[in-house]
Amino acid sequence: MPLHILVVDDEEDVEHLFRQRFRKEVNDGKAALHFANSGLSALTQLEAVDKKDIIIILSDINMPGMSGLELLEKIKQLYPEKKVMMISAYGNEQYMNDAKVKGADDFLTKPVDFKLLKEKLLTEA
């Protein structure tokens, strides 16, 4: 069974980038990617699918509307068993501390090191 990953980011090119970088894992049946361009869209997807399907959520912090940190809080309230990794272009201590306090399982900075990300994700499976 593939590892289902929900990527939440308002930047349009992120989906293309993740599909390109995870092509082998998707083709090999090791990963299934899902995408949301906002926090609200992510919550809608989580409500619509079998709760077991999406295992890990990767969320950008800076998004219009609901921020990634607000999304993190909601996910941890509604789905405490879900793993959430926060991603930000700004690797400052304040963001990292806020994410940790709100329940983030990990924090990554952009540009994403996909080799490291794959190692972290595939050990979760």
C-alpha atoms as a PDB file:
ATOM      1  CA  MET A   1       0.000   0.000   0.000  1.00  0.00           C
ATOM      2  CA  PRO A   2       1.469   3.365  -0.958  1.00  0.00           C
ATOM      3  CA  LEU A   3       2.250   6.132   1.482  1.00  0.00           C
ATOM      4  CA  HIS A   4      -0.393   8.815   0.901  1.00  0.00           C
ATOM      5  CA  ILE A   5       1.013  12.328   1.140  1.00  0.00           C
ATOM      6  CA  LEU A   6      -1.013  15.548   1.058  1.00  0.00           C
ATOM      7  CA  VAL A   7       1.040  18.561  -0.065  1.00  0.00           C
ATOM      8  CA  VAL A   8      -0.491  21.931   0.845  1.00  0.00           C
ATOM      9  CA  ASP A   9       0.979  24.993  -0.859  1.00  0.00           C
ATOM     10  CA  ASP A  10      -0.498  28.009  -2.628  1.00  0.00           C
ATOM     11  CA  GLU A  11       2.316  28.164  -5.204  1.00  0.00           C
ATOM     12  CA  GLU A  12       1.200  26.585  -8.479  1.00  0.00           C
ATOM     13  CA  ASP A  13       4.579  25.118  -9.398  1.00  0.00           C
ATOM     14  CA  VAL A  14       4.827  23.047  -6.199  1.00  0.00           C
ATOM     15  CA  GLU A  15       2.531  20.302  -7.513  1.00  0.00           C
ATOM     16  CA  HIS A  16       4.573  19.945 -10.700  1.00  0.00           C
ATOM     17  CA  LEU A  17       7.821  19.889  -8.705  1.00  0.00           C
ATOM     18  CA  PHE A  18       6.592  17.182  -6.300  1.00  0.00           C
ATOM     19  CA  ARG A  19       5.168  15.077  -9.143  1.00  0.00           C
ATOM     20  CA  GLN A  20       8.518  15.291 -10.917  1.00  0.00           C
ATOM     21  CA  ARG A  21      10.626  14.510  -7.835  1.00  0.00           C
ATOM     22  CA  PHE A  22       8.382  11.639  -6.656  1.00  0.00           C
ATOM     23  CA  ARG A  23       7.750  10.127 -10.109  1.00  0.00           C
ATOM     24  CA  LYS A  24       9.681   6.924  -9.373  1.00  0.00           C
ATOM     25  CA  GLU A  25       8.053   6.383  -5.961  1.00  0.00           C
ATOM     26  CA  VAL A  26       4.575   6.964  -7.424  1.00  0.00           C
ATOM     27  CA  ASN A  27       5.245   4.674 -10.403  1.00  0.00           C
ATOM     28  CA  ASP A  28       6.622   1.985  -8.068  1.00  0.00           C
ATOM     29  CA  GLY A  29       3.501   2.195  -5.886  1.00  0.00           C
ATOM     30  CA  LYS A  30       5.451   3.439  -2.861  1.00  0.00           C
ATOM     31  CA  ALA A  31       3.774   6.866  -2.713  1.00  0.00           C
ATOM     32  CA  ALA A  32       0.520   8.525  -3.725  1.00  0.00           C
ATOM     33  CA  LEU A  33       0.447  12.311  -3.894  1.00  0.00           C
ATOM     34  CA  HIS A  34      -2.508  14.561  -3.159  1.00  0.00           C
ATOM     35  CA  PHE A  35      -2.477  18.347  -3.462  1.00  0.00           C
ATOM     36  CA  ALA A  36      -4.327  21.284  -1.945  1.00  0.00           C
ATOM     37  CA  ASN A  37      -3.701  24.953  -2.710  1.00  0.00           C
ATOM     38  CA  SER A  38      -5.071  26.271   0.585  1.00  0.00           C
ATOM     39  CA  GLY A  39      -5.666  25.269   4.183  1.00  0.00           C
ATOM     40  CA  LEU A  40      -9.405  25.092   3.607  1.00  0.00           C
ATOM     41  CA  SER A  41      -8.942  22.863   0.578  1.00  0.00           C
ATOM     42  CA  ALA A  42      -6.686  20.578   2.640  1.00  0.00           C
ATOM     43  CA  LEU A  43      -9.293  20.242   5.389  1.00  0.00           C
ATOM     44  CA  THR A  44     -11.958  19.499   2.777  1.00  0.00           C
ATOM     45  CA  GLN A  45      -9.794  16.727   1.312  1.00  0.00           C
ATOM     46  CA  LEU A  46      -9.112  15.248   4.735  1.00  0.00           C
ATOM     47  CA  GLU A  47     -12.849  15.187   5.478  1.00  0.00           C
ATOM     48  CA  ALA A  48     -13.682  13.635   2.097  1.00  0.00           C
ATOM     49  CA  VAL A  49     -11.268  10.694   2.133  1.00  0.00           C
ATOM     50  CA  ASP A  50     -10.984   7.684   4.331  1.00  0.00           C
ATOM     51  CA  LYS A  51      -9.094   8.946   7.363  1.00  0.00           C
ATOM     52  CA  LYS A  52      -6.516   6.207   6.900  1.00  0.00           C
ATOM     53  CA  ASP A  53      -5.690   7.198   3.323  1.00  0.00           C
ATOM     54  CA  ILE A  54      -3.659  10.348   3.883  1.00  0.00           C
ATOM     55  CA  ILE A  55      -0.912   9.568   6.330  1.00  0.00           C
ATOM     56  CA  ILE A  56       1.402  12.573   6.118  1.00  0.00           C
ATOM     57  CA  ILE A  57       0.631  16.229   5.439  1.00  0.00           C
ATOM     58  CA  LEU A  58       3.341  18.573   4.149  1.00  0.00           C
ATOM     59  CA  SER A  59       2.213  22.177   4.539  1.00  0.00           C
ATOM     60  CA  ASP A  60       3.701  25.506   3.635  1.00  0.00           C
ATOM     61  CA  ILE A  61       3.509  28.042   6.464  1.00  0.00           C
ATOM     62  CA  ASN A  62       2.890  31.239   4.505  1.00  0.00           C
ATOM     63  CA  MET A  63      -0.375  30.991   2.575  1.00  0.00           C
ATOM     64  CA  PRO A  64      -3.181  33.490   2.055  1.00  0.00           C
ATOM     65  CA  GLY A  65      -6.339  32.916   4.055  1.00  0.00           C
ATOM     66  CA  MET A  66      -5.594  30.163   6.540  1.00  0.00           C
ATOM     67  CA  SER A  67      -1.874  30.020   7.321  1.00  0.00           C
ATOM     68  CA  GLY A  68      -0.051  26.736   7.544  1.00  0.00           C
ATOM     69  CA  LEU A  69       0.238  27.158  11.314  1.00  0.00           C
ATOM     70  CA  GLU A  70      -3.541  27.616  11.598  1.00  0.00           C
ATOM     71  CA  LEU A  71      -4.012  24.531   9.422  1.00  0.00           C
ATOM     72  CA  LEU A  72      -1.589  22.612  11.632  1.00  0.00           C
ATOM     73  CA  GLU A  73      -3.649  23.451  14.727  1.00  0.00           C
ATOM     74  CA  LYS A  74      -6.884  22.344  13.064  1.00  0.00           C
ATOM     75  CA  ILE A  75      -5.385  19.090  11.780  1.00  0.00           C
ATOM     76  CA  LYS A  76      -3.969  18.224  15.197  1.00  0.00           C
ATOM     77  CA  GLN A  77      -7.375  18.935  16.800  1.00  0.00           C
ATOM     78  CA  LEU A  78      -9.372  16.924  14.258  1.00  0.00           C
ATOM     79  CA  TYR A  79      -6.847  14.228  13.304  1.00  0.00           C
ATOM     80  CA  PRO A  80      -4.237  13.981  16.086  1.00  0.00           C
ATOM     81  CA  GLU A  81      -2.811  10.786  14.592  1.00  0.00           C
ATOM     82  CA  LYS A  82      -1.768  12.525  11.353  1.00  0.00           C
ATOM     83  CA  LYS A  83       1.869  13.418  10.844  1.00  0.00           C
ATOM     84  CA  VAL A  84       2.357  17.037   9.774  1.00  0.00           C
ATOM     85  CA  MET A  85       5.602  18.432   8.406  1.00  0.00           C
ATOM     86  CA  MET A  86       5.811  22.187   7.992  1.00  0.00           C
ATOM     87  CA  ILE A  87       7.733  23.764   5.114  1.00  0.00           C
ATOM     88  CA  SER A  88       8.856  27.371   4.971  1.00  0.00           C
ATOM     89  CA  ALA A  89      11.169  29.563   2.956  1.00  0.00           C
ATOM     90  CA  TYR A  90      12.024  31.185   6.267  1.00  0.00           C
ATOM     91  CA  GLY A  91      13.933  28.883   8.589  1.00  0.00           C
ATOM     92  CA  ASN A  92      13.829  31.242  11.541  1.00  0.00           C
ATOM     93  CA  GLU A  93      13.544  30.124  15.144  1.00  0.00           C
ATOM     94  CA  GLN A  94      10.129  31.760  15.669  1.00  0.00           C
ATOM     95  CA  TYR A  95       8.497  29.715  12.892  1.00  0.00           C
ATOM     96  CA  MET A  96      10.169  26.535  14.086  1.00  0.00           C
ATOM     97  CA  ASN A  97       9.111  27.115  17.691  1.00  0.00           C
ATOM     98  CA  ASP A  98       5.541  28.020  16.721  1.00  0.00           C
ATOM     99  CA  ALA A  99       5.294  24.908  14.560  1.00  0.00           C
ATOM    100  CA  LYS A 100       6.676  22.685  17.316  1.00  0.00           C
ATOM    101  CA  VAL A 101       4.331  24.153  19.968  1.00  0.00           C
ATOM    102  CA  LYS A 102       1.346  23.611  17.661  1.00  0.00           C
ATOM    103  CA  GLY A 103       2.272  19.952  17.147  1.00  0.00           C
ATOM    104  CA  ALA A 104       4.375  19.787  13.977  1.00  0.00           C
ATOM    105  CA  ASP A 105       6.201  16.504  13.579  1.00  0.00           C
ATOM    106  CA  ASP A 106       8.996  18.088  11.552  1.00  0.00           C
ATOM    107  CA  PHE A 107      10.075  21.375   9.966  1.00  0.00           C
ATOM    108  CA  LEU A 108      11.760  21.752   6.575  1.00  0.00           C
ATOM    109  CA  THR A 109      13.049  24.802   4.767  1.00  0.00           C
ATOM    110  CA  LYS A 110      12.777  25.724   1.095  1.00  0.00           C
ATOM    111  CA  PRO A 111      14.262  24.884  -1.245  1.00  0.00           C
ATOM    112  CA  VAL A 112      13.262  21.404  -0.152  1.00  0.00           C
ATOM    113  CA  ASP A 113      16.022  18.814  -0.009  1.00  0.00           C
ATOM    114  CA  PHE A 114      14.062  16.044  -1.740  1.00  0.00           C
ATOM    115  CA  LYS A 115      16.612  13.347  -0.939  1.00  0.00           C
ATOM    116  CA  LEU A 116      16.271  14.113   2.783  1.00  0.00           C
ATOM    117  CA  LEU A 117      12.489  14.444   2.490  1.00  0.00           C
ATOM    118  CA  LYS A 118      12.171  11.049   0.805  1.00  0.00           C
ATOM    119  CA  GLU A 119      14.317   9.452   3.512  1.00  0.00           C
ATOM    120  CA  LYS A 120      12.095  10.956   6.218  1.00  0.00           C
ATOM    121  CA  LEU A 121       8.837  10.056   4.475  1.00  0.00           C
ATOM    122  CA  LEU A 122       9.704   6.539   3.434  1.00  0.00           C
ATOM    123  CA  THR A 123      10.849   5.653   6.947  1.00  0.00           C
ATOM    124  CA  GLU A 124       7.335   6.693   8.093  1.00  0.00           C
ATOM    125  CA  ALA A 125       5.711   4.098   5.850  1.00  0.00           C
END
